[in-house]
Structures are given as C-alpha cells and as structure tokens.
Amino acid sequence: MDFMSLADGTTVIRRIISGVTLSVFLIICGCGGGSPFEMAPVEGKVTYADGSLIEADRIVVTFIPQGIDAKGRAAPSAGRAEVNPEDGTFEYVTTTKYQDGALVGQHKVLVETFRKAPNGIDIPNGAVDRKYSDPKATDLTFEVESGGSECVLLVEKPANSRR
C-alpha cells in the first residue's frame, strides 16, 4: 500500500475530488437559500377588546399573507408567534426560518388559545371567539411594513363567556 492509498482501497486524490465536488454542488444549489420575499420583524400585543388579558396557557398568533403572489416555485407562507399569556405580548414571528419575521404586506390574523390537558397536550380552550381561529371568518387584518411593525390585536370574548 502506497501513501496515496487508504485502507479501504480508495485513493486520497479520489476522496479529495469527491469532497470538492460535493462542496461545489452545495454552493450552487444552496442550503435552504432563504425566502425570495421581503420579510420584516413584527411584535405586539393581543388582549380582549376591553383590555383584559386572554385566559389561556398558550396563545398563538398567525399572520396569513393576502394578495402576495408566488415567486417562481416559492409560495408565500404564514408567520407564527407565541404570545406570553402573562402580559399578552409577542415578538419573534417565524415564517420560514426561526425569528425571520413576517412577509411585508397585508395579512389576515388568527389568534388561537389553548390549555394544558392533564397529559400535557395543548387543547383549544375557547378563550376567544371561534372566528379568530378560522382564516375565512377572522376579521383581524394587519399590514406588515418594511423595516418592522408593531401590532395591537383586540379580540372579542366568546359569546358564551363569563370571563
């Protein structure tokens, strides 16, 4: 065995060529490449219309893009943020990559609330009117502006609520 051969019979040169080929392929194809859409940070607060906090163990806000066309094979995606139930605030909207923001433009907004079941699974708790969890029924809208936006969402209590 000469110094250019490895124990498995391959040559060092062959391994180097394979490694360089793989590296060039990854550079050309990209690894995730990012979104072709303009993104912007969004932070804000969600409460009941009377200003009181929503009673839930977990609250999720979803921004669904409206009127934003696909770019090539990339379709516009919704952005989501976890709300702090203790003060109603949210930040760090995630669309395609962690904390990348929401797409710039008009959105329908969903607000979903959950409670922890004894087995630890989140189940809807009905703390807000059902229309806020339905993309066709929600009347919440928000315009995400280039450079970032602050969003204040006021939601109605459910019709059968004594909250």
C-alpha atoms as a PDB file:
ATOM      1  CA  MET A   1       0.000   0.000   0.000  1.00  0.00           C
ATOM      2  CA  ASP A   2       1.475   3.361  -1.006  1.00  0.00           C
ATOM      3  CA  PHE A   3       0.902   6.634   0.850  1.00  0.00           C
ATOM      4  CA  MET A   4      -1.767   7.710  -1.680  1.00  0.00           C
ATOM      5  CA  SER A   5      -3.984   4.701  -0.911  1.00  0.00           C
ATOM      6  CA  LEU A   6      -6.250   4.317   2.101  1.00  0.00           C
ATOM      7  CA  ALA A   7      -7.004   1.071   3.922  1.00  0.00           C
ATOM      8  CA  ASP A   8     -10.307   0.641   2.080  1.00  0.00           C
ATOM      9  CA  GLY A   9      -8.549   0.800  -1.297  1.00  0.00           C
ATOM     10  CA  THR A  10      -9.584   4.333  -2.293  1.00  0.00           C
ATOM     11  CA  THR A  11      -7.017   6.953  -3.041  1.00  0.00           C
ATOM     12  CA  VAL A  12      -6.557  10.229  -1.239  1.00  0.00           C
ATOM     13  CA  ILE A  13      -6.966  12.053  -4.554  1.00  0.00           C
ATOM     14  CA  ARG A  14     -10.337  10.363  -5.194  1.00  0.00           C
ATOM     15  CA  ARG A  15     -11.550  11.382  -1.714  1.00  0.00           C
ATOM     16  CA  ILE A  16     -10.398  14.971  -2.241  1.00  0.00           C
ATOM     17  CA  ILE A  17     -12.160  15.168  -5.615  1.00  0.00           C
ATOM     18  CA  SER A  18     -15.358  13.763  -4.078  1.00  0.00           C
ATOM     19  CA  GLY A  19     -15.223  16.307  -1.261  1.00  0.00           C
ATOM     20  CA  VAL A  20     -14.639  19.240  -3.619  1.00  0.00           C
ATOM     21  CA  THR A  21     -17.453  18.065  -5.930  1.00  0.00           C
ATOM     22  CA  LEU A  22     -19.882  17.853  -3.009  1.00  0.00           C
ATOM     23  CA  SER A  23     -18.862  21.318  -1.774  1.00  0.00           C
ATOM     24  CA  VAL A  24     -19.353  22.878  -5.223  1.00  0.00           C
ATOM     25  CA  PHE A  25     -22.755  21.176  -5.549  1.00  0.00           C
ATOM     26  CA  LEU A  26     -23.902  22.547  -2.184  1.00  0.00           C
ATOM     27  CA  ILE A  27     -22.727  26.063  -3.051  1.00  0.00           C
ATOM     28  CA  ILE A  28     -24.510  26.024  -6.431  1.00  0.00           C
ATOM     29  CA  CYS A  29     -27.744  24.510  -5.112  1.00  0.00           C
ATOM     30  CA  GLY A  30     -27.739  26.325  -1.807  1.00  0.00           C
ATOM     31  CA  CYS A  31     -28.772  25.035   1.577  1.00  0.00           C
ATOM     32  CA  GLY A  32     -32.185  26.489   2.245  1.00  0.00           C
ATOM     33  CA  GLY A  33     -31.332  29.675   0.359  1.00  0.00           C
ATOM     34  CA  GLY A  34     -33.716  31.958   2.238  1.00  0.00           C
ATOM     35  CA  SER A  35     -37.027  33.418   1.218  1.00  0.00           C
ATOM     36  CA  PRO A  36     -37.474  35.307  -2.065  1.00  0.00           C
ATOM     37  CA  PHE A  37     -39.994  37.507  -0.210  1.00  0.00           C
ATOM     38  CA  GLU A  38     -39.251  40.645   1.771  1.00  0.00           C
ATOM     39  CA  MET A  39     -39.543  39.904   5.484  1.00  0.00           C
ATOM     40  CA  ALA A  40     -39.883  42.274   8.440  1.00  0.00           C
ATOM     41  CA  PRO A  41     -39.999  41.855  12.215  1.00  0.00           C
ATOM     42  CA  VAL A  42     -43.391  42.091  13.926  1.00  0.00           C
ATOM     43  CA  GLU A  43     -44.030  42.453  17.620  1.00  0.00           C
ATOM     44  CA  GLY A  44     -47.129  43.405  19.515  1.00  0.00           C
ATOM     45  CA  LYS A  45     -49.845  42.604  21.976  1.00  0.00           C
ATOM     46  CA  VAL A  46     -53.145  40.717  21.919  1.00  0.00           C
ATOM     47  CA  THR A  47     -55.883  41.252  24.519  1.00  0.00           C
ATOM     48  CA  TYR A  48     -59.642  41.224  24.796  1.00  0.00           C
ATOM     49  CA  ALA A  49     -61.329  44.339  23.386  1.00  0.00           C
ATOM     50  CA  ASP A  50     -61.853  45.610  26.957  1.00  0.00           C
ATOM     51  CA  GLY A  51     -58.064  45.473  27.532  1.00  0.00           C
ATOM     52  CA  SER A  52     -58.095  42.448  29.840  1.00  0.00           C
ATOM     53  CA  LEU A  53     -55.698  39.568  29.291  1.00  0.00           C
ATOM     54  CA  ILE A  54     -56.785  36.416  27.486  1.00  0.00           C
ATOM     55  CA  GLU A  55     -57.070  33.485  29.879  1.00  0.00           C
ATOM     56  CA  ALA A  56     -55.035  30.664  28.336  1.00  0.00           C
ATOM     57  CA  ASP A  57     -51.956  28.563  28.977  1.00  0.00           C
ATOM     58  CA  ARG A  58     -50.770  29.102  25.401  1.00  0.00           C
ATOM     59  CA  ILE A  59     -51.708  31.679  22.747  1.00  0.00           C
ATOM     60  CA  VAL A  60     -50.514  31.580  19.140  1.00  0.00           C
ATOM     61  CA  VAL A  61     -50.844  34.427  16.632  1.00  0.00           C
ATOM     62  CA  THR A  62     -50.653  33.557  12.915  1.00  0.00           C
ATOM     63  CA  PHE A  63     -50.160  36.067  10.073  1.00  0.00           C
ATOM     64  CA  ILE A  64     -51.592  34.755   6.768  1.00  0.00           C
ATOM     65  CA  PRO A  65     -50.370  36.717   3.722  1.00  0.00           C
ATOM     66  CA  GLN A  66     -53.057  38.159   1.433  1.00  0.00           C
ATOM     67  CA  GLY A  67     -52.548  39.214  -2.183  1.00  0.00           C
ATOM     68  CA  ILE A  68     -48.883  38.221  -2.271  1.00  0.00           C
ATOM     69  CA  ASP A  69     -48.067  36.242  -5.404  1.00  0.00           C
ATOM     70  CA  ALA A  70     -45.797  33.228  -5.582  1.00  0.00           C
ATOM     71  CA  LYS A  71     -42.266  33.868  -6.802  1.00  0.00           C
ATOM     72  CA  GLY A  72     -41.157  31.037  -9.022  1.00  0.00           C
ATOM     73  CA  ARG A  73     -41.859  27.859  -7.076  1.00  0.00           C
ATOM     74  CA  ALA A  74     -41.928  29.682  -3.721  1.00  0.00           C
ATOM     75  CA  ALA A  75     -45.382  30.348  -2.299  1.00  0.00           C
ATOM     76  CA  PRO A  76     -45.936  32.933   0.451  1.00  0.00           C
ATOM     77  CA  SER A  77     -46.033  31.305   3.896  1.00  0.00           C
ATOM     78  CA  ALA A  78     -47.810  32.246   7.102  1.00  0.00           C
ATOM     79  CA  GLY A  79     -45.800  33.553  10.056  1.00  0.00           C
ATOM     80  CA  ARG A  80     -46.455  32.475  13.654  1.00  0.00           C
ATOM     81  CA  ALA A  81     -45.584  33.851  17.067  1.00  0.00           C
ATOM     82  CA  GLU A  82     -46.046  32.563  20.595  1.00  0.00           C
ATOM     83  CA  VAL A  83     -47.771  35.056  22.890  1.00  0.00           C
ATOM     84  CA  ASN A  84     -46.716  35.474  26.514  1.00  0.00           C
ATOM     85  CA  PRO A  85     -50.027  34.748  28.316  1.00  0.00           C
ATOM     86  CA  GLU A  86     -48.877  36.722  31.366  1.00  0.00           C
ATOM     87  CA  ASP A  87     -48.859  40.083  29.563  1.00  0.00           C
ATOM     88  CA  GLY A  88     -50.287  39.386  26.073  1.00  0.00           C
ATOM     89  CA  THR A  89     -47.116  40.380  24.221  1.00  0.00           C
ATOM     90  CA  PHE A  90     -45.457  38.627  21.312  1.00  0.00           C
ATOM     91  CA  GLU A  91     -42.333  39.064  19.230  1.00  0.00           C
ATOM     92  CA  TYR A  92     -40.104  36.971  17.029  1.00  0.00           C
ATOM     93  CA  VAL A  93     -42.549  35.965  14.315  1.00  0.00           C
ATOM     94  CA  THR A  94     -41.275  32.915  12.449  1.00  0.00           C
ATOM     95  CA  THR A  95     -42.213  32.235   8.811  1.00  0.00           C
ATOM     96  CA  THR A  96     -39.599  30.028   7.151  1.00  0.00           C
ATOM     97  CA  LYS A  97     -36.614  30.390   9.491  1.00  0.00           C
ATOM     98  CA  TYR A  98     -36.634  30.943  13.236  1.00  0.00           C
ATOM     99  CA  GLN A  99     -37.434  34.596  14.041  1.00  0.00           C
ATOM    100  CA  ASP A 100     -37.229  35.743  10.401  1.00  0.00           C
ATOM    101  CA  GLY A 101     -40.372  37.913  10.685  1.00  0.00           C
ATOM    102  CA  ALA A 102     -43.474  38.028   8.521  1.00  0.00           C
ATOM    103  CA  LEU A 103     -43.829  38.808   4.835  1.00  0.00           C
ATOM    104  CA  VAL A 104     -44.191  42.504   4.086  1.00  0.00           C
ATOM    105  CA  GLY A 105     -47.776  43.210   3.031  1.00  0.00           C
ATOM    106  CA  GLN A 106     -51.378  42.645   4.072  1.00  0.00           C
ATOM    107  CA  HIS A 107     -52.305  39.685   6.321  1.00  0.00           C
ATOM    108  CA  LYS A 108     -55.311  38.038   7.878  1.00  0.00           C
ATOM    109  CA  VAL A 109     -54.551  37.276  11.519  1.00  0.00           C
ATOM    110  CA  LEU A 110     -55.553  34.242  13.570  1.00  0.00           C
ATOM    111  CA  VAL A 111     -55.500  34.054  17.366  1.00  0.00           C
ATOM    112  CA  GLU A 112     -55.655  30.557  18.853  1.00  0.00           C
ATOM    113  CA  THR A 113     -55.808  29.761  22.562  1.00  0.00           C
ATOM    114  CA  PHE A 114     -55.012  26.526  24.390  1.00  0.00           C
ATOM    115  CA  ARG A 115     -54.976  24.995  27.836  1.00  0.00           C
ATOM    116  CA  LYS A 116     -52.747  22.170  29.029  1.00  0.00           C
ATOM    117  CA  ALA A 117     -54.572  18.883  29.464  1.00  0.00           C
ATOM    118  CA  PRO A 118     -53.526  16.591  32.336  1.00  0.00           C
ATOM    119  CA  ASN A 119     -51.471  14.564  29.837  1.00  0.00           C
ATOM    120  CA  GLY A 120     -49.519  17.716  28.845  1.00  0.00           C
ATOM    121  CA  ILE A 121     -51.082  18.120  25.408  1.00  0.00           C
ATOM    122  CA  ASP A 122     -52.345  21.556  24.335  1.00  0.00           C
ATOM    123  CA  ILE A 123     -56.064  21.563  23.587  1.00  0.00           C
ATOM    124  CA  PRO A 124     -58.156  24.521  22.381  1.00  0.00           C
ATOM    125  CA  ASN A 125     -59.787  26.270  25.326  1.00  0.00           C
ATOM    126  CA  GLY A 126     -62.288  28.584  23.598  1.00  0.00           C
ATOM    127  CA  ALA A 127     -60.971  31.724  25.341  1.00  0.00           C
ATOM    128  CA  VAL A 128     -61.605  33.820  22.208  1.00  0.00           C
ATOM    129  CA  ASP A 129     -64.434  33.790  19.694  1.00  0.00           C
ATOM    130  CA  ARG A 130     -64.098  30.883  17.221  1.00  0.00           C
ATOM    131  CA  LYS A 131     -63.898  33.189  14.215  1.00  0.00           C
ATOM    132  CA  TYR A 132     -60.333  34.114  15.208  1.00  0.00           C
ATOM    133  CA  SER A 133     -59.115  30.572  14.505  1.00  0.00           C
ATOM    134  CA  ASP A 134     -60.743  30.387  11.051  1.00  0.00           C
ATOM    135  CA  PRO A 135     -58.906  32.033   8.123  1.00  0.00           C
ATOM    136  CA  LYS A 136     -62.215  32.534   6.288  1.00  0.00           C
ATOM    137  CA  ALA A 137     -64.050  34.068   9.261  1.00  0.00           C
ATOM    138  CA  THR A 138     -61.454  36.196  11.059  1.00  0.00           C
ATOM    139  CA  ASP A 139     -61.925  39.934  10.752  1.00  0.00           C
ATOM    140  CA  LEU A 140     -58.452  40.681  12.106  1.00  0.00           C
ATOM    141  CA  THR A 141     -56.103  42.133   9.490  1.00  0.00           C
ATOM    142  CA  PHE A 142     -52.672  43.687   9.726  1.00  0.00           C
ATOM    143  CA  GLU A 143     -50.255  45.381   7.311  1.00  0.00           C
ATOM    144  CA  VAL A 144     -46.626  44.351   7.878  1.00  0.00           C
ATOM    145  CA  GLU A 145     -44.412  47.255   6.857  1.00  0.00           C
ATOM    146  CA  SER A 146     -40.885  47.128   5.537  1.00  0.00           C
ATOM    147  CA  GLY A 147     -38.456  47.641   8.407  1.00  0.00           C
ATOM    148  CA  GLY A 148     -40.793  46.248  11.083  1.00  0.00           C
ATOM    149  CA  SER A 149     -44.202  46.759  12.631  1.00  0.00           C
ATOM    150  CA  GLU A 150     -45.937  46.875  15.982  1.00  0.00           C
ATOM    151  CA  CYS A 151     -49.273  45.096  16.009  1.00  0.00           C
ATOM    152  CA  VAL A 152     -52.070  45.590  18.539  1.00  0.00           C
ATOM    153  CA  LEU A 153     -54.826  42.977  18.301  1.00  0.00           C
ATOM    154  CA  LEU A 154     -58.123  43.307  20.171  1.00  0.00           C
ATOM    155  CA  VAL A 155     -60.342  40.228  20.184  1.00  0.00           C
ATOM    156  CA  GLU A 156     -63.856  39.540  21.409  1.00  0.00           C
ATOM    157  CA  LYS A 157     -64.620  37.143  24.196  1.00  0.00           C
ATOM    158  CA  PRO A 158     -66.621  34.103  23.115  1.00  0.00           C
ATOM    159  CA  ALA A 159     -70.396  34.589  23.063  1.00  0.00           C
ATOM    160  CA  ASN A 160     -70.962  32.145  25.946  1.00  0.00           C
ATOM    161  CA  SER A 161     -68.200  33.611  28.076  1.00  0.00           C
ATOM    162  CA  ARG A 162     -68.470  34.676  31.697  1.00  0.00           C
ATOM    163  CA  ARG A 163     -64.853  35.843  31.689  1.00  0.00           C
END
